[in-house]
Amino acid sequence: MKSICGIDCTNCELCSTCNGCAATEGQPFGAECLVAQCCKKGKTALSELKENLIAAVEKAWNHGIVVIAAAGNNGPGKNSVTVPGQCKSIITVGSIDDYAKHGRGLKSGYSGRGPTECCVVKPEILAPGTAIKSCSARGNGYEVKSGTSMSAPVIAGAVALLLQRHPNLTPAQVKLRLYERTVRIAEAKERGYWGVVYLDRLL
């Protein structure tokens, strides 16, 4: 059973948005607790929460905030990108090495894939996501994790450096620059994505 805050979320689509559940075996996070309440209320509440989340990130994007989201870990089937990564405006990041030796709770090819229900190609960008050394509340403060939640910060960091150098870029201009300057490697081309980011090329 997949349990979040004591709630059985095995069949909850939205819960899978957070890689923390799979990668750290159910350690509770505030956002997951909110989702758990959604599971209690049923499908209607789940749909409403998804719509509200997508509306929120679109609003942020339209107000000049570059939003970067993970594609989720429900791959490798089509239309398996989770919210808010389904939002057509924002930048969605998948894992380029999801067929490598993967982490706890993740299957081979875990990275969410498009196209979405609205036929939008997602994710746009791929980045390393498997066996990434990341921060942890346990042990010495570090832990090896896998999932697209490890991929998204790679691109978020690259975009932060880009905005530091070019602070007047709009979200749309940032996304266009990513499109123009990604390296279209074979793995990305096969899946219909833009490619991967090389920092020197992006900047």
N, C-alpha and C. Protein backbone atom coordinates (compact mmCIF):
# COMPACT_ATOMS: atom_id res chain seq x y z
N MET A 1 0.84 -1.19 0.00
CA MET A 1 0.00 0.00 0.00
C MET A 1 0.87 1.24 0.00
N LYS A 2 0.50 2.22 -0.79
CA LYS A 2 1.18 3.50 -0.82
C LYS A 2 0.45 4.42 0.15
N SER A 3 1.10 4.76 1.24
CA SER A 3 0.44 5.51 2.29
C SER A 3 1.08 6.87 2.47
N ILE A 4 0.26 7.90 2.52
CA ILE A 4 0.72 9.24 2.78
C ILE A 4 -0.07 9.78 3.96
N CYS A 5 0.63 10.11 5.04
CA CYS A 5 -0.02 10.63 6.24
C CYS A 5 -1.11 9.69 6.74
N GLY A 6 -0.92 8.38 6.56
CA GLY A 6 -1.87 7.40 7.04
C GLY A 6 -3.03 7.14 6.10
N ILE A 7 -3.06 7.77 4.93
CA ILE A 7 -4.14 7.59 3.97
C ILE A 7 -3.66 6.69 2.84
N ASP A 8 -4.50 5.73 2.43
CA ASP A 8 -4.15 4.85 1.32
C ASP A 8 -4.31 5.61 0.01
N CYS A 9 -3.16 5.94 -0.60
CA CYS A 9 -3.17 6.72 -1.84
C CYS A 9 -2.68 5.89 -3.02
N THR A 10 -2.87 4.59 -2.97
CA THR A 10 -2.35 3.70 -4.00
C THR A 10 -2.83 4.10 -5.38
N ASN A 11 -4.11 4.46 -5.48
CA ASN A 11 -4.69 4.76 -6.79
C ASN A 11 -4.89 6.25 -7.03
N CYS A 12 -4.23 7.07 -6.25
CA CYS A 12 -4.38 8.52 -6.41
C CYS A 12 -3.41 9.02 -7.47
N GLU A 13 -3.93 9.54 -8.56
CA GLU A 13 -3.08 10.01 -9.65
C GLU A 13 -2.21 11.18 -9.23
N LEU A 14 -2.79 12.10 -8.47
CA LEU A 14 -2.06 13.30 -8.11
C LEU A 14 -0.94 13.03 -7.13
N CYS A 15 -1.11 12.03 -6.26
CA CYS A 15 -0.07 11.73 -5.28
C CYS A 15 1.26 11.42 -5.94
N SER A 16 1.20 10.82 -7.12
CA SER A 16 2.44 10.42 -7.79
C SER A 16 3.22 11.62 -8.30
N THR A 17 2.62 12.81 -8.26
CA THR A 17 3.34 14.00 -8.66
C THR A 17 4.57 14.22 -7.80
N CYS A 18 4.46 13.87 -6.54
CA CYS A 18 5.57 14.10 -5.61
C CYS A 18 6.48 12.89 -5.55
N ASN A 19 7.69 13.04 -6.03
CA ASN A 19 8.63 11.93 -6.04
C ASN A 19 9.00 11.50 -4.62
N GLY A 20 8.80 12.38 -3.65
CA GLY A 20 9.21 12.06 -2.28
C GLY A 20 8.59 10.79 -1.77
N CYS A 21 7.34 10.51 -2.15
CA CYS A 21 6.66 9.32 -1.65
C CYS A 21 7.37 8.06 -2.10
N ALA A 22 7.68 7.99 -3.40
CA ALA A 22 8.32 6.79 -3.93
C ALA A 22 9.78 6.70 -3.52
N ALA A 23 10.47 7.82 -3.59
CA ALA A 23 11.91 7.78 -3.40
C ALA A 23 12.34 7.67 -1.95
N THR A 24 11.48 8.13 -1.03
CA THR A 24 11.88 8.07 0.37
C THR A 24 10.89 7.25 1.20
N GLU A 25 10.14 6.41 0.51
CA GLU A 25 9.27 5.42 1.15
C GLU A 25 8.28 6.04 2.12
N GLY A 26 7.55 7.04 1.63
CA GLY A 26 6.42 7.55 2.39
C GLY A 26 6.73 8.55 3.47
N GLN A 27 7.92 9.15 3.47
CA GLN A 27 8.19 10.20 4.44
C GLN A 27 7.24 11.36 4.18
N PRO A 28 6.53 11.84 5.19
CA PRO A 28 5.49 12.85 4.96
C PRO A 28 6.05 14.23 4.64
N PHE A 29 5.39 14.89 3.71
CA PHE A 29 5.69 16.27 3.37
C PHE A 29 4.38 17.04 3.40
N GLY A 30 4.47 18.35 3.64
CA GLY A 30 3.27 19.16 3.74
C GLY A 30 2.38 19.07 2.52
N ALA A 31 2.98 19.13 1.32
CA ALA A 31 2.19 19.08 0.10
C ALA A 31 1.47 17.74 -0.03
N GLU A 32 2.12 16.67 0.41
CA GLU A 32 1.50 15.35 0.32
C GLU A 32 0.30 15.24 1.26
N CYS A 33 0.40 15.92 2.42
CA CYS A 33 -0.73 15.90 3.35
C CYS A 33 -1.95 16.52 2.72
N LEU A 34 -1.74 17.59 1.93
CA LEU A 34 -2.84 18.24 1.24
C LEU A 34 -3.46 17.27 0.23
N VAL A 35 -2.60 16.55 -0.49
CA VAL A 35 -3.09 15.58 -1.46
C VAL A 35 -3.85 14.45 -0.77
N ALA A 36 -3.38 14.04 0.40
CA ALA A 36 -4.05 12.98 1.14
C ALA A 36 -5.49 13.38 1.47
N GLN A 37 -5.69 14.64 1.81
CA GLN A 37 -7.05 15.11 2.06
C GLN A 37 -7.89 14.99 0.80
N CYS A 38 -7.25 15.23 -0.34
CA CYS A 38 -7.95 15.10 -1.62
C CYS A 38 -8.38 13.66 -1.84
N CYS A 39 -7.52 12.71 -1.47
CA CYS A 39 -7.86 11.30 -1.64
C CYS A 39 -9.10 10.94 -0.82
N LYS A 40 -9.21 11.54 0.34
CA LYS A 40 -10.37 11.27 1.19
C LYS A 40 -11.66 11.70 0.51
N LYS A 41 -11.59 12.82 -0.21
CA LYS A 41 -12.80 13.43 -0.74
C LYS A 41 -13.24 12.82 -2.08
N GLY A 42 -12.33 12.13 -2.76
CA GLY A 42 -12.73 11.44 -3.97
C GLY A 42 -12.31 12.14 -5.25
N LYS A 43 -12.78 11.59 -6.37
CA LYS A 43 -12.31 12.00 -7.69
C LYS A 43 -12.67 13.45 -8.02
N THR A 44 -13.86 13.89 -7.62
CA THR A 44 -14.26 15.26 -7.93
C THR A 44 -13.32 16.26 -7.30
N ALA A 45 -12.99 16.05 -6.03
CA ALA A 45 -12.06 16.94 -5.35
C ALA A 45 -10.67 16.86 -5.97
N LEU A 46 -10.28 15.66 -6.40
CA LEU A 46 -8.98 15.48 -7.05
C LEU A 46 -8.92 16.30 -8.33
N SER A 47 -9.95 16.22 -9.16
CA SER A 47 -9.98 16.96 -10.42
C SER A 47 -9.93 18.46 -10.14
N GLU A 48 -10.65 18.88 -9.12
CA GLU A 48 -10.67 20.31 -8.78
C GLU A 48 -9.30 20.78 -8.32
N LEU A 49 -8.64 19.95 -7.51
CA LEU A 49 -7.30 20.31 -7.03
C LEU A 49 -6.31 20.40 -8.18
N LYS A 50 -6.40 19.48 -9.12
CA LYS A 50 -5.52 19.50 -10.29
C LYS A 50 -5.74 20.78 -11.11
N GLU A 51 -7.00 21.10 -11.34
CA GLU A 51 -7.33 22.30 -12.11
C GLU A 51 -6.84 23.56 -11.41
N ASN A 52 -7.00 23.60 -10.09
CA ASN A 52 -6.56 24.76 -9.33
C ASN A 52 -5.04 24.91 -9.36
N LEU A 53 -4.35 23.77 -9.30
CA LEU A 53 -2.89 23.80 -9.33
C LEU A 53 -2.38 24.29 -10.67
N ILE A 54 -2.97 23.80 -11.75
CA ILE A 54 -2.57 24.23 -13.08
C ILE A 54 -2.88 25.71 -13.27
N ALA A 55 -4.04 26.15 -12.79
CA ALA A 55 -4.40 27.57 -12.89
C ALA A 55 -3.41 28.44 -12.12
N ALA A 56 -2.95 27.95 -10.98
CA ALA A 56 -2.01 28.71 -10.15
C ALA A 56 -0.66 28.88 -10.84
N VAL A 57 -0.16 27.81 -11.45
CA VAL A 57 1.15 27.92 -12.11
C VAL A 57 1.05 28.76 -13.39
N GLU A 58 -0.09 28.68 -14.06
CA GLU A 58 -0.29 29.53 -15.24
C GLU A 58 -0.34 31.00 -14.84
N LYS A 59 -0.98 31.29 -13.73
CA LYS A 59 -1.05 32.66 -13.24
C LYS A 59 0.34 33.17 -12.89
N ALA A 60 1.14 32.33 -12.22
CA ALA A 60 2.51 32.71 -11.89
C ALA A 60 3.31 32.99 -13.15
N TRP A 61 3.17 32.11 -14.13
CA TRP A 61 3.88 32.27 -15.41
C TRP A 61 3.48 33.58 -16.08
N ASN A 62 2.19 33.86 -16.12
CA ASN A 62 1.69 35.07 -16.76
C ASN A 62 2.08 36.34 -16.02
N HIS A 63 2.48 36.21 -14.76
CA HIS A 63 2.92 37.36 -13.98
C HIS A 63 4.44 37.46 -13.92
N GLY A 64 5.12 36.77 -14.82
CA GLY A 64 6.56 36.95 -14.96
C GLY A 64 7.44 35.99 -14.19
N ILE A 65 6.86 34.94 -13.63
CA ILE A 65 7.64 33.96 -12.88
C ILE A 65 7.88 32.72 -13.75
N VAL A 66 9.13 32.35 -13.94
CA VAL A 66 9.45 31.14 -14.71
C VAL A 66 9.15 29.92 -13.84
N VAL A 67 8.23 29.10 -14.30
CA VAL A 67 7.83 27.92 -13.54
C VAL A 67 8.40 26.68 -14.20
N ILE A 68 9.09 25.87 -13.41
CA ILE A 68 9.68 24.62 -13.90
C ILE A 68 9.13 23.48 -13.05
N ALA A 69 8.61 22.46 -13.71
CA ALA A 69 7.98 21.35 -13.00
C ALA A 69 8.54 20.02 -13.46
N ALA A 70 8.48 19.05 -12.58
CA ALA A 70 8.88 17.68 -12.91
C ALA A 70 7.78 17.00 -13.72
N ALA A 71 8.18 16.08 -14.57
CA ALA A 71 7.21 15.35 -15.40
C ALA A 71 6.49 14.25 -14.65
N GLY A 72 6.96 13.93 -13.44
CA GLY A 72 6.36 12.85 -12.68
C GLY A 72 6.97 11.50 -13.03
N ASN A 73 6.62 10.49 -12.27
CA ASN A 73 7.26 9.18 -12.38
C ASN A 73 6.29 8.07 -12.78
N ASN A 74 5.32 8.42 -13.61
CA ASN A 74 4.31 7.45 -14.03
C ASN A 74 4.58 6.84 -15.40
N GLY A 75 5.75 7.11 -16.01
CA GLY A 75 6.07 6.58 -17.34
C GLY A 75 6.21 5.07 -17.32
N PRO A 76 6.40 4.45 -18.49
CA PRO A 76 6.73 5.12 -19.74
C PRO A 76 5.55 5.31 -20.70
N GLY A 77 4.33 5.12 -20.27
CA GLY A 77 3.20 5.26 -21.18
C GLY A 77 2.95 6.69 -21.61
N LYS A 78 2.24 6.86 -22.73
CA LYS A 78 1.87 8.19 -23.19
C LYS A 78 0.88 8.83 -22.22
N ASN A 79 0.85 10.15 -22.23
CA ASN A 79 -0.04 10.93 -21.37
C ASN A 79 0.14 10.56 -19.90
N SER A 80 1.39 10.37 -19.50
CA SER A 80 1.69 10.00 -18.11
C SER A 80 2.36 11.13 -17.34
N VAL A 81 2.42 12.32 -17.92
CA VAL A 81 2.97 13.48 -17.21
C VAL A 81 1.96 13.92 -16.16
N THR A 82 2.44 14.16 -14.94
CA THR A 82 1.55 14.53 -13.85
C THR A 82 1.44 16.06 -13.73
N VAL A 83 0.45 16.50 -12.96
CA VAL A 83 0.29 17.94 -12.73
C VAL A 83 1.32 18.42 -11.70
N PRO A 84 1.82 19.64 -11.85
CA PRO A 84 1.43 20.65 -12.82
C PRO A 84 2.20 20.59 -14.14
N GLY A 85 2.98 19.53 -14.33
CA GLY A 85 3.78 19.43 -15.56
C GLY A 85 2.98 19.38 -16.83
N GLN A 86 1.68 19.08 -16.73
CA GLN A 86 0.82 19.05 -17.91
C GLN A 86 0.52 20.43 -18.46
N CYS A 87 0.74 21.45 -17.65
CA CYS A 87 0.44 22.83 -18.06
C CYS A 87 1.24 23.19 -19.30
N LYS A 88 0.57 23.66 -20.34
CA LYS A 88 1.24 23.90 -21.62
C LYS A 88 2.21 25.07 -21.58
N SER A 89 2.00 26.02 -20.67
CA SER A 89 2.82 27.23 -20.65
C SER A 89 4.20 26.99 -20.05
N ILE A 90 4.25 26.23 -18.98
CA ILE A 90 5.47 26.13 -18.19
C ILE A 90 6.50 25.19 -18.80
N ILE A 91 7.66 25.11 -18.17
CA ILE A 91 8.74 24.23 -18.62
C ILE A 91 8.68 22.95 -17.80
N THR A 92 8.55 21.83 -18.48
CA THR A 92 8.44 20.54 -17.81
C THR A 92 9.69 19.71 -18.09
N VAL A 93 10.21 19.08 -17.05
CA VAL A 93 11.49 18.37 -17.15
C VAL A 93 11.30 16.89 -16.85
N GLY A 94 11.85 16.05 -17.72
CA GLY A 94 11.85 14.61 -17.51
C GLY A 94 13.25 14.10 -17.25
N SER A 95 13.34 12.82 -16.92
CA SER A 95 14.63 12.20 -16.63
C SER A 95 15.21 11.56 -17.90
N ILE A 96 16.46 11.87 -18.17
CA ILE A 96 17.10 11.32 -19.37
C ILE A 96 17.64 9.91 -19.12
N ASP A 97 17.83 9.55 -17.86
CA ASP A 97 18.45 8.26 -17.54
C ASP A 97 17.48 7.36 -16.77
N ASP A 98 16.20 7.44 -17.11
CA ASP A 98 15.20 6.68 -16.36
C ASP A 98 15.22 5.19 -16.68
N TYR A 99 16.01 4.78 -17.67
CA TYR A 99 16.17 3.35 -17.94
C TYR A 99 17.41 2.79 -17.26
N ALA A 100 18.16 3.66 -16.59
CA ALA A 100 19.33 3.20 -15.84
C ALA A 100 18.86 2.51 -14.56
N LYS A 101 19.81 2.03 -13.77
CA LYS A 101 19.46 1.40 -12.51
C LYS A 101 18.73 2.43 -11.67
N HIS A 102 17.46 2.16 -11.38
CA HIS A 102 16.62 3.18 -10.78
C HIS A 102 16.50 3.01 -9.27
N GLY A 103 15.88 4.00 -8.64
CA GLY A 103 15.79 4.01 -7.19
C GLY A 103 14.60 3.25 -6.67
N ARG A 104 14.44 3.31 -5.37
CA ARG A 104 13.37 2.59 -4.70
C ARG A 104 12.00 3.04 -5.17
N GLY A 105 11.14 2.09 -5.48
CA GLY A 105 9.77 2.40 -5.85
C GLY A 105 9.59 2.87 -7.27
N LEU A 106 10.64 2.90 -8.07
CA LEU A 106 10.54 3.39 -9.45
C LEU A 106 10.83 2.27 -10.43
N LYS A 107 10.03 2.21 -11.49
CA LYS A 107 10.25 1.19 -12.51
C LYS A 107 11.10 1.74 -13.64
N SER A 108 11.62 0.86 -14.46
CA SER A 108 12.42 1.29 -15.60
C SER A 108 11.55 2.10 -16.55
N GLY A 109 12.08 3.22 -17.02
CA GLY A 109 11.31 4.10 -17.89
C GLY A 109 10.30 4.93 -17.12
N TYR A 110 10.63 5.28 -15.87
CA TYR A 110 9.66 5.93 -14.99
C TYR A 110 9.26 7.34 -15.40
N SER A 111 10.09 8.04 -16.16
CA SER A 111 9.84 9.45 -16.45
C SER A 111 8.53 9.64 -17.22
N GLY A 112 7.69 10.55 -16.73
CA GLY A 112 6.41 10.83 -17.38
C GLY A 112 6.59 11.28 -18.82
N ARG A 113 5.68 10.85 -19.68
CA ARG A 113 5.77 11.14 -21.11
C ARG A 113 4.47 11.71 -21.65
N GLY A 114 4.61 12.53 -22.67
CA GLY A 114 3.44 13.06 -23.38
C GLY A 114 3.18 12.21 -24.61
N PRO A 115 2.38 12.71 -25.52
CA PRO A 115 1.72 14.01 -25.41
C PRO A 115 0.61 13.98 -24.36
N THR A 116 0.22 15.19 -23.91
CA THR A 116 -0.84 15.29 -22.92
C THR A 116 -2.20 15.08 -23.59
N GLU A 117 -3.26 15.15 -22.79
CA GLU A 117 -4.60 15.00 -23.33
C GLU A 117 -4.91 16.07 -24.38
N CYS A 118 -4.22 17.22 -24.25
CA CYS A 118 -4.42 18.32 -25.20
C CYS A 118 -3.39 18.29 -26.32
N CYS A 119 -2.71 17.15 -26.47
CA CYS A 119 -1.72 16.94 -27.55
C CYS A 119 -0.53 17.88 -27.46
N VAL A 120 -0.16 18.25 -26.23
CA VAL A 120 1.02 19.08 -26.01
C VAL A 120 2.21 18.17 -25.73
N VAL A 121 3.32 18.43 -26.42
CA VAL A 121 4.53 17.64 -26.21
C VAL A 121 5.11 17.99 -24.84
N LYS A 122 5.23 17.02 -24.00
CA LYS A 122 5.79 17.18 -22.66
C LYS A 122 6.57 15.91 -22.31
N PRO A 123 7.63 15.99 -21.56
CA PRO A 123 8.32 17.21 -21.14
C PRO A 123 9.11 17.81 -22.30
N GLU A 124 9.50 19.06 -22.16
CA GLU A 124 10.31 19.68 -23.21
C GLU A 124 11.78 19.32 -23.07
N ILE A 125 12.24 19.26 -21.81
CA ILE A 125 13.66 19.13 -21.52
C ILE A 125 13.92 17.86 -20.71
N LEU A 126 15.08 17.25 -20.95
CA LEU A 126 15.51 16.10 -20.16
C LEU A 126 16.77 16.46 -19.38
N ALA A 127 16.89 15.86 -18.19
CA ALA A 127 18.08 16.07 -17.35
C ALA A 127 18.30 14.82 -16.51
N PRO A 128 19.50 14.63 -15.98
CA PRO A 128 19.76 13.46 -15.13
C PRO A 128 18.79 13.40 -13.94
N GLY A 129 18.28 12.20 -13.66
CA GLY A 129 17.33 12.05 -12.57
C GLY A 129 17.52 10.79 -11.74
N THR A 130 18.43 9.93 -12.15
CA THR A 130 18.61 8.64 -11.47
C THR A 130 19.87 8.63 -10.61
N ALA A 131 19.70 8.17 -9.36
CA ALA A 131 20.81 8.07 -8.41
C ALA A 131 21.52 9.40 -8.22
N ILE A 132 20.73 10.42 -7.89
CA ILE A 132 21.26 11.75 -7.65
C ILE A 132 21.46 11.96 -6.14
N LYS A 133 22.62 12.44 -5.76
CA LYS A 133 22.86 12.73 -4.35
C LYS A 133 22.16 14.04 -4.01
N SER A 134 21.21 13.96 -3.10
CA SER A 134 20.37 15.11 -2.77
C SER A 134 20.29 15.30 -1.26
N CYS A 135 19.65 16.38 -0.86
CA CYS A 135 19.53 16.66 0.57
C CYS A 135 18.51 15.73 1.22
N SER A 136 18.66 15.55 2.51
CA SER A 136 17.78 14.65 3.25
C SER A 136 17.68 15.12 4.69
N ALA A 137 16.52 14.86 5.30
CA ALA A 137 16.33 15.21 6.71
C ALA A 137 16.91 14.14 7.63
N ARG A 138 17.40 13.06 7.03
CA ARG A 138 17.92 11.94 7.82
C ARG A 138 19.43 11.80 7.68
N GLY A 139 20.01 11.04 8.58
CA GLY A 139 21.44 10.71 8.49
C GLY A 139 22.33 11.94 8.51
N ASN A 140 23.26 12.00 7.55
CA ASN A 140 24.21 13.10 7.51
C ASN A 140 23.73 14.27 6.67
N GLY A 141 22.44 14.24 6.30
CA GLY A 141 21.88 15.35 5.53
C GLY A 141 21.86 15.13 4.04
N TYR A 142 22.35 13.97 3.59
CA TYR A 142 22.36 13.66 2.16
C TYR A 142 21.84 12.25 1.91
N GLU A 143 21.27 12.07 0.73
CA GLU A 143 20.70 10.77 0.38
C GLU A 143 20.66 10.64 -1.13
N VAL A 144 20.83 9.44 -1.64
CA VAL A 144 20.74 9.19 -3.08
C VAL A 144 19.28 8.96 -3.44
N LYS A 145 18.78 9.74 -4.36
CA LYS A 145 17.38 9.66 -4.77
C LYS A 145 17.27 9.56 -6.28
N SER A 146 16.10 9.11 -6.75
CA SER A 146 15.84 9.03 -8.18
C SER A 146 14.43 9.53 -8.46
N GLY A 147 14.25 10.11 -9.64
CA GLY A 147 12.95 10.58 -10.05
C GLY A 147 13.06 11.91 -10.78
N THR A 148 11.98 12.32 -11.42
CA THR A 148 12.02 13.58 -12.16
C THR A 148 12.09 14.79 -11.23
N SER A 149 11.80 14.59 -9.95
CA SER A 149 11.99 15.67 -8.98
C SER A 149 13.47 15.94 -8.74
N MET A 150 14.32 15.04 -9.18
CA MET A 150 15.76 15.27 -9.16
C MET A 150 16.20 15.95 -10.47
N SER A 151 15.47 15.72 -11.54
CA SER A 151 15.81 16.32 -12.84
C SER A 151 15.45 17.80 -12.90
N ALA A 152 14.28 18.14 -12.37
CA ALA A 152 13.79 19.52 -12.48
C ALA A 152 14.73 20.55 -11.85
N PRO A 153 15.33 20.28 -10.68
CA PRO A 153 16.24 21.29 -10.10
C PRO A 153 17.47 21.56 -10.96
N VAL A 154 17.89 20.59 -11.77
CA VAL A 154 19.04 20.82 -12.66
C VAL A 154 18.71 21.96 -13.62
N ILE A 155 17.52 21.91 -14.19
CA ILE A 155 17.11 22.95 -15.14
C ILE A 155 16.75 24.23 -14.41
N ALA A 156 16.16 24.12 -13.23
CA ALA A 156 15.85 25.32 -12.45
C ALA A 156 17.13 26.10 -12.12
N GLY A 157 18.19 25.37 -11.77
CA GLY A 157 19.46 26.01 -11.50
C GLY A 157 20.05 26.68 -12.72
N ALA A 158 19.94 26.01 -13.88
CA ALA A 158 20.45 26.58 -15.13
C ALA A 158 19.69 27.85 -15.49
N VAL A 159 18.37 27.81 -15.31
CA VAL A 159 17.55 28.99 -15.62
C VAL A 159 17.85 30.13 -14.64
N ALA A 160 18.11 29.80 -13.38
CA ALA A 160 18.47 30.83 -12.40
C ALA A 160 19.75 31.56 -12.82
N LEU A 161 20.72 30.80 -13.30
CA LEU A 161 21.97 31.41 -13.77
C LEU A 161 21.72 32.25 -15.01
N LEU A 162 20.83 31.78 -15.87
CA LEU A 162 20.49 32.54 -17.08
C LEU A 162 19.84 33.87 -16.70
N LEU A 163 18.91 33.84 -15.74
CA LEU A 163 18.23 35.07 -15.32
C LEU A 163 19.15 35.99 -14.55
N GLN A 164 20.14 35.43 -13.89
CA GLN A 164 21.12 36.27 -13.21
C GLN A 164 21.91 37.08 -14.22
N ARG A 165 22.18 36.45 -15.35
CA ARG A 165 22.94 37.14 -16.41
C ARG A 165 22.04 38.02 -17.26
N HIS A 166 20.79 37.60 -17.45
CA HIS A 166 19.85 38.36 -18.28
C HIS A 166 18.54 38.54 -17.51
N PRO A 167 18.53 39.42 -16.53
CA PRO A 167 17.37 39.54 -15.62
C PRO A 167 16.09 40.05 -16.26
N ASN A 168 16.17 40.60 -17.45
CA ASN A 168 14.98 41.16 -18.08
C ASN A 168 14.25 40.16 -18.99
N LEU A 169 14.73 38.95 -19.07
CA LEU A 169 14.06 37.95 -19.89
C LEU A 169 12.70 37.60 -19.29
N THR A 170 11.70 37.51 -20.14
CA THR A 170 10.38 37.07 -19.71
C THR A 170 10.34 35.55 -19.67
N PRO A 171 9.35 34.95 -19.00
CA PRO A 171 9.24 33.49 -19.03
C PRO A 171 9.19 32.93 -20.44
N ALA A 172 8.46 33.58 -21.32
CA ALA A 172 8.37 33.10 -22.70
C ALA A 172 9.73 33.16 -23.39
N GLN A 173 10.51 34.21 -23.12
CA GLN A 173 11.84 34.33 -23.72
C GLN A 173 12.80 33.28 -23.16
N VAL A 174 12.66 32.97 -21.88
CA VAL A 174 13.47 31.91 -21.28
C VAL A 174 13.16 30.58 -21.96
N LYS A 175 11.89 30.30 -22.15
CA LYS A 175 11.49 29.04 -22.77
C LYS A 175 11.98 28.98 -24.21
N LEU A 176 11.89 30.09 -24.92
CA LEU A 176 12.37 30.13 -26.30
C LEU A 176 13.87 29.90 -26.35
N ARG A 177 14.61 30.49 -25.43
CA ARG A 177 16.06 30.30 -25.40
C ARG A 177 16.41 28.84 -25.13
N LEU A 178 15.67 28.21 -24.22
CA LEU A 178 15.88 26.78 -23.99
C LEU A 178 15.65 25.99 -25.26
N TYR A 179 14.57 26.31 -25.96
CA TYR A 179 14.25 25.60 -27.21
C TYR A 179 15.37 25.77 -28.24
N GLU A 180 15.86 26.99 -28.36
CA GLU A 180 16.86 27.30 -29.39
C GLU A 180 18.24 26.72 -29.05
N ARG A 181 18.52 26.54 -27.77
CA ARG A 181 19.88 26.18 -27.39
C ARG A 181 20.03 24.80 -26.76
N THR A 182 18.97 24.02 -26.73
CA THR A 182 19.11 22.64 -26.26
C THR A 182 19.90 21.82 -27.28
N VAL A 183 20.53 20.79 -26.77
CA VAL A 183 21.27 19.86 -27.63
C VAL A 183 20.35 18.66 -27.88
N ARG A 184 20.04 18.41 -29.13
CA ARG A 184 19.06 17.38 -29.48
C ARG A 184 19.73 16.02 -29.64
N ILE A 185 19.94 15.38 -28.52
CA ILE A 185 20.56 14.06 -28.52
C ILE A 185 19.53 13.00 -28.94
N ALA A 186 20.03 11.81 -29.24
CA ALA A 186 19.17 10.76 -29.80
C ALA A 186 18.01 10.40 -28.89
N GLU A 187 18.28 10.28 -27.58
CA GLU A 187 17.22 9.88 -26.65
C GLU A 187 16.05 10.85 -26.66
N ALA A 188 16.38 12.15 -26.72
CA ALA A 188 15.32 13.16 -26.74
C ALA A 188 14.59 13.17 -28.07
N LYS A 189 15.31 13.02 -29.15
CA LYS A 189 14.71 13.04 -30.48
C LYS A 189 13.73 11.88 -30.65
N GLU A 190 14.09 10.72 -30.14
CA GLU A 190 13.22 9.56 -30.24
C GLU A 190 11.89 9.78 -29.53
N ARG A 191 11.91 10.52 -28.44
CA ARG A 191 10.70 10.77 -27.66
C ARG A 191 9.97 12.04 -28.09
N GLY A 192 10.55 12.79 -29.01
CA GLY A 192 9.92 14.01 -29.49
C GLY A 192 10.16 15.23 -28.61
N TYR A 193 11.18 15.18 -27.73
CA TYR A 193 11.45 16.29 -26.83
C TYR A 193 12.48 17.23 -27.45
N TRP A 194 12.70 18.36 -26.79
CA TRP A 194 13.65 19.33 -27.32
C TRP A 194 15.08 18.85 -27.18
N GLY A 195 15.43 18.31 -26.02
CA GLY A 195 16.80 17.84 -25.82
C GLY A 195 17.28 18.09 -24.40
N VAL A 196 18.60 18.26 -24.26
CA VAL A 196 19.22 18.49 -22.95
C VAL A 196 19.91 19.85 -22.96
N VAL A 197 20.19 20.35 -21.76
CA VAL A 197 20.79 21.67 -21.62
C VAL A 197 22.27 21.55 -21.30
N TYR A 198 23.08 22.26 -22.09
CA TYR A 198 24.50 22.46 -21.78
C TYR A 198 24.64 23.90 -21.30
N LEU A 199 25.09 24.07 -20.08
CA LEU A 199 25.04 25.37 -19.44
C LEU A 199 25.77 26.45 -20.23
N ASP A 200 26.95 26.15 -20.73
CA ASP A 200 27.70 27.17 -21.48
C ASP A 200 26.95 27.59 -22.74
N ARG A 201 26.29 26.64 -23.36
CA ARG A 201 25.52 26.95 -24.58
C ARG A 201 24.27 27.78 -24.23
N LEU A 202 23.63 27.48 -23.11
CA LEU A 202 22.43 28.21 -22.70
C LEU A 202 22.76 29.65 -22.35
N LEU A 203 23.86 29.85 -21.65
CA LEU A 203 24.21 31.20 -21.19
C LEU A 203 24.80 32.05 -22.30
